[in-house]
């Protein structure tokens, strides 16, 4: 039997997408595409090793794409979000 398909991201990720710093599970996404964010603003909550880690904006800008969904498992380096 074929393997189940991986979850589909909301938009394709470009090279400028913020990567996941560690493996874990996306608990909550705190922003939407089109939102204006400030540097160090929390964007999502990543659960890793039973700890909740805030993923914060590396720069100020507008959310151009969210590449994960709540409940999705991510690996280090996976694209999370793009801010322009």
N, C-alpha and C. Protein backbone atom coordinates (compact mmCIF):
# COMPACT_ATOMS: atom_id res chain seq x y z
N UNK A 1 0.85 -1.19 0.00
CA UNK A 1 0.00 0.00 0.00
C UNK A 1 0.88 1.24 0.00
N UNK A 2 0.46 2.30 -0.71
CA UNK A 2 1.27 3.53 -0.74
C UNK A 2 1.26 4.21 0.62
N UNK A 3 2.35 4.91 0.91
CA UNK A 3 2.46 5.65 2.17
C UNK A 3 1.49 6.83 2.14
N UNK A 4 0.95 7.21 3.30
CA UNK A 4 0.05 8.37 3.31
C UNK A 4 0.79 9.64 2.93
N UNK A 5 0.07 10.54 2.27
CA UNK A 5 0.67 11.80 1.83
C UNK A 5 0.96 12.69 3.02
N UNK A 6 2.02 13.47 2.92
CA UNK A 6 2.37 14.43 3.98
C UNK A 6 1.34 15.54 3.99
N UNK A 7 1.14 16.20 5.14
CA UNK A 7 0.20 17.33 5.18
C UNK A 7 0.62 18.41 4.19
N UNK A 8 -0.37 19.01 3.57
CA UNK A 8 -0.09 20.04 2.57
C UNK A 8 -0.02 21.40 3.26
N UNK A 9 1.02 22.16 2.99
CA UNK A 9 1.17 23.50 3.56
C UNK A 9 0.19 24.45 2.88
N UNK A 10 -0.11 25.56 3.55
CA UNK A 10 -1.07 26.51 3.00
C UNK A 10 -0.52 27.21 1.76
N UNK A 11 0.77 27.43 1.73
CA UNK A 11 1.42 28.03 0.57
C UNK A 11 2.80 27.42 0.43
N UNK A 12 3.35 27.38 -0.79
CA UNK A 12 4.70 26.84 -0.93
C UNK A 12 5.72 27.77 -0.26
N UNK A 13 6.75 27.17 0.30
CA UNK A 13 7.77 27.94 1.01
C UNK A 13 8.91 28.30 0.08
N UNK A 14 9.37 29.53 0.17
CA UNK A 14 10.53 29.97 -0.59
C UNK A 14 11.78 29.87 0.28
N UNK A 15 12.90 30.27 -0.29
CA UNK A 15 14.17 30.20 0.42
C UNK A 15 14.22 31.17 1.60
N UNK A 16 13.34 32.18 1.61
CA UNK A 16 13.35 33.18 2.68
C UNK A 16 12.44 32.81 3.85
N UNK A 17 11.86 31.61 3.85
CA UNK A 17 10.98 31.19 4.94
C UNK A 17 11.78 30.93 6.21
N UNK A 18 11.19 31.24 7.36
CA UNK A 18 11.84 30.97 8.64
C UNK A 18 11.85 29.46 8.87
N UNK A 19 13.01 28.88 9.18
CA UNK A 19 13.08 27.44 9.40
C UNK A 19 12.75 27.07 10.85
N UNK A 20 12.30 25.84 11.04
CA UNK A 20 12.06 25.33 12.38
C UNK A 20 13.41 25.14 13.08
N UNK A 21 13.56 25.63 14.32
CA UNK A 21 14.84 25.47 15.02
C UNK A 21 15.04 24.08 15.61
N UNK A 22 13.96 23.29 15.71
CA UNK A 22 14.04 21.98 16.36
C UNK A 22 12.87 21.11 15.90
N UNK A 23 12.96 19.80 16.12
CA UNK A 23 11.81 18.96 15.79
C UNK A 23 10.71 19.16 16.82
N UNK A 24 9.48 19.02 16.40
CA UNK A 24 8.37 19.18 17.35
C UNK A 24 7.03 19.16 16.65
N UNK A 25 6.02 19.59 17.40
CA UNK A 25 4.64 19.59 16.95
C UNK A 25 4.10 21.01 17.05
N UNK A 26 3.49 21.50 15.98
CA UNK A 26 2.91 22.84 15.98
C UNK A 26 1.63 22.80 16.81
N UNK A 27 1.62 23.49 17.95
CA UNK A 27 0.43 23.53 18.81
C UNK A 27 -0.54 24.60 18.37
N UNK A 28 -0.03 25.82 18.15
CA UNK A 28 -0.89 26.94 17.78
C UNK A 28 -0.17 27.86 16.80
N UNK A 29 -0.93 28.38 15.85
CA UNK A 29 -0.45 29.42 14.95
C UNK A 29 -1.13 30.70 15.41
N UNK A 30 -0.35 31.73 15.74
CA UNK A 30 -0.87 32.94 16.37
C UNK A 30 -1.13 34.09 15.41
N UNK A 31 -0.74 33.94 14.15
CA UNK A 31 -0.92 35.01 13.16
C UNK A 31 -1.59 34.43 11.91
N UNK A 32 -2.02 35.33 11.04
CA UNK A 32 -2.64 34.95 9.77
C UNK A 32 -1.88 35.60 8.62
N UNK A 33 -2.03 35.05 7.42
CA UNK A 33 -1.44 35.67 6.24
C UNK A 33 -2.02 37.07 6.09
N UNK A 34 -1.13 38.04 5.86
CA UNK A 34 -1.55 39.43 5.72
C UNK A 34 -1.38 40.24 6.99
N UNK A 35 -1.16 39.57 8.13
CA UNK A 35 -0.96 40.30 9.39
C UNK A 35 0.38 41.02 9.37
N UNK A 36 0.42 42.21 9.95
CA UNK A 36 1.67 42.94 10.15
C UNK A 36 2.23 42.52 11.49
N UNK A 37 3.52 42.15 11.51
CA UNK A 37 4.16 41.70 12.74
C UNK A 37 5.38 42.55 13.05
N UNK A 38 5.76 42.57 14.32
CA UNK A 38 6.95 43.29 14.75
C UNK A 38 8.03 42.27 15.08
N UNK A 39 9.28 42.73 15.09
CA UNK A 39 10.39 41.86 15.45
C UNK A 39 10.16 41.29 16.85
N UNK A 40 10.43 40.01 17.04
CA UNK A 40 10.28 39.28 18.30
C UNK A 40 8.83 39.04 18.71
N UNK A 41 7.86 39.32 17.83
CA UNK A 41 6.46 39.01 18.12
C UNK A 41 6.25 37.50 18.01
N UNK A 42 5.57 36.87 18.97
CA UNK A 42 5.30 35.43 18.85
C UNK A 42 4.44 35.12 17.63
N UNK A 43 4.85 34.11 16.86
CA UNK A 43 4.14 33.72 15.65
C UNK A 43 3.41 32.40 15.80
N UNK A 44 4.04 31.47 16.52
CA UNK A 44 3.44 30.15 16.73
C UNK A 44 4.07 29.50 17.95
N UNK A 45 3.41 28.45 18.43
CA UNK A 45 3.89 27.68 19.57
C UNK A 45 4.29 26.31 19.05
N UNK A 46 5.54 25.92 19.32
CA UNK A 46 6.10 24.64 18.89
C UNK A 46 6.37 23.81 20.15
N UNK A 47 5.73 22.65 20.24
CA UNK A 47 5.98 21.77 21.39
C UNK A 47 7.12 20.83 21.04
N UNK A 48 8.13 20.83 21.89
CA UNK A 48 9.29 19.95 21.70
C UNK A 48 9.71 19.45 23.07
N UNK A 49 9.86 18.15 23.22
CA UNK A 49 10.27 17.53 24.49
C UNK A 49 9.37 17.98 25.64
N UNK A 50 8.06 18.03 25.39
CA UNK A 50 7.03 18.38 26.38
C UNK A 50 7.15 19.81 26.89
N UNK A 51 7.86 20.66 26.13
CA UNK A 51 7.95 22.07 26.47
C UNK A 51 7.35 22.88 25.33
N UNK A 52 6.65 23.96 25.66
CA UNK A 52 6.09 24.85 24.64
C UNK A 52 7.09 25.96 24.36
N UNK A 53 7.50 26.07 23.09
CA UNK A 53 8.49 27.07 22.67
C UNK A 53 7.82 28.07 21.74
N UNK A 54 7.99 29.36 22.03
CA UNK A 54 7.47 30.40 21.14
C UNK A 54 8.42 30.56 19.96
N UNK A 55 7.86 30.54 18.77
CA UNK A 55 8.61 30.90 17.56
C UNK A 55 8.29 32.35 17.30
N UNK A 56 9.32 33.21 17.33
CA UNK A 56 9.09 34.65 17.20
C UNK A 56 9.61 35.16 15.87
N UNK A 57 9.08 36.31 15.46
CA UNK A 57 9.47 36.92 14.19
C UNK A 57 10.93 37.38 14.24
N UNK A 58 11.69 37.02 13.23
CA UNK A 58 13.09 37.44 13.15
C UNK A 58 13.19 38.88 12.68
N UNK A 59 12.13 39.38 12.05
CA UNK A 59 12.12 40.77 11.56
C UNK A 59 10.69 41.26 11.51
N UNK A 60 10.53 42.57 11.41
CA UNK A 60 9.20 43.16 11.25
C UNK A 60 8.79 43.05 9.79
N UNK A 61 7.50 42.95 9.55
CA UNK A 61 7.01 42.88 8.18
C UNK A 61 5.59 42.36 8.14
N UNK A 62 5.22 41.83 6.97
CA UNK A 62 3.87 41.30 6.75
C UNK A 62 3.99 39.81 6.49
N UNK A 63 3.13 39.03 7.14
CA UNK A 63 3.13 37.58 6.94
C UNK A 63 2.69 37.28 5.51
N UNK A 64 3.60 36.71 4.73
CA UNK A 64 3.31 36.41 3.33
C UNK A 64 2.84 34.97 3.14
N UNK A 65 3.21 34.09 4.06
CA UNK A 65 2.80 32.69 3.94
C UNK A 65 3.03 31.94 5.22
N UNK A 66 2.10 31.05 5.54
CA UNK A 66 2.24 30.14 6.68
C UNK A 66 2.33 28.75 6.08
N UNK A 67 3.40 28.04 6.36
CA UNK A 67 3.71 26.79 5.67
C UNK A 67 3.43 25.54 6.50
N UNK A 68 2.85 25.73 7.68
CA UNK A 68 2.50 24.61 8.56
C UNK A 68 1.09 24.82 9.07
N UNK A 69 0.52 23.79 9.65
CA UNK A 69 -0.80 23.91 10.27
C UNK A 69 -0.74 23.31 11.66
N UNK A 70 -1.70 23.66 12.50
CA UNK A 70 -1.74 23.16 13.86
C UNK A 70 -1.82 21.64 13.84
N UNK A 71 -1.03 21.01 14.70
CA UNK A 71 -0.99 19.56 14.77
C UNK A 71 0.07 18.92 13.90
N UNK A 72 0.69 19.70 13.03
CA UNK A 72 1.70 19.17 12.12
C UNK A 72 3.02 18.94 12.84
N UNK A 73 3.69 17.84 12.53
CA UNK A 73 5.01 17.55 13.06
C UNK A 73 6.04 18.13 12.10
N UNK A 74 7.03 18.85 12.66
CA UNK A 74 8.07 19.46 11.85
C UNK A 74 9.44 18.96 12.29
N UNK A 75 10.39 19.04 11.38
CA UNK A 75 11.77 18.67 11.64
C UNK A 75 12.63 19.93 11.58
N UNK A 76 13.83 19.89 12.15
CA UNK A 76 14.72 21.06 12.06
C UNK A 76 14.94 21.47 10.60
N UNK A 77 14.78 22.76 10.33
CA UNK A 77 14.99 23.25 8.97
C UNK A 77 13.74 23.32 8.13
N UNK A 78 12.63 22.69 8.57
CA UNK A 78 11.38 22.77 7.81
C UNK A 78 10.89 24.22 7.81
N UNK A 79 10.34 24.66 6.68
CA UNK A 79 9.82 26.01 6.55
C UNK A 79 8.59 26.18 7.42
N UNK A 80 8.55 27.26 8.21
CA UNK A 80 7.41 27.54 9.08
C UNK A 80 6.56 28.68 8.54
N UNK A 81 7.21 29.83 8.28
CA UNK A 81 6.46 31.04 7.94
C UNK A 81 7.37 31.97 7.14
N UNK A 82 6.75 32.75 6.27
CA UNK A 82 7.51 33.74 5.49
C UNK A 82 6.98 35.12 5.83
N UNK A 83 7.92 36.03 6.13
CA UNK A 83 7.59 37.43 6.44
C UNK A 83 8.31 38.30 5.43
N UNK A 84 7.56 39.16 4.77
CA UNK A 84 8.15 40.10 3.79
C UNK A 84 8.18 41.49 4.37
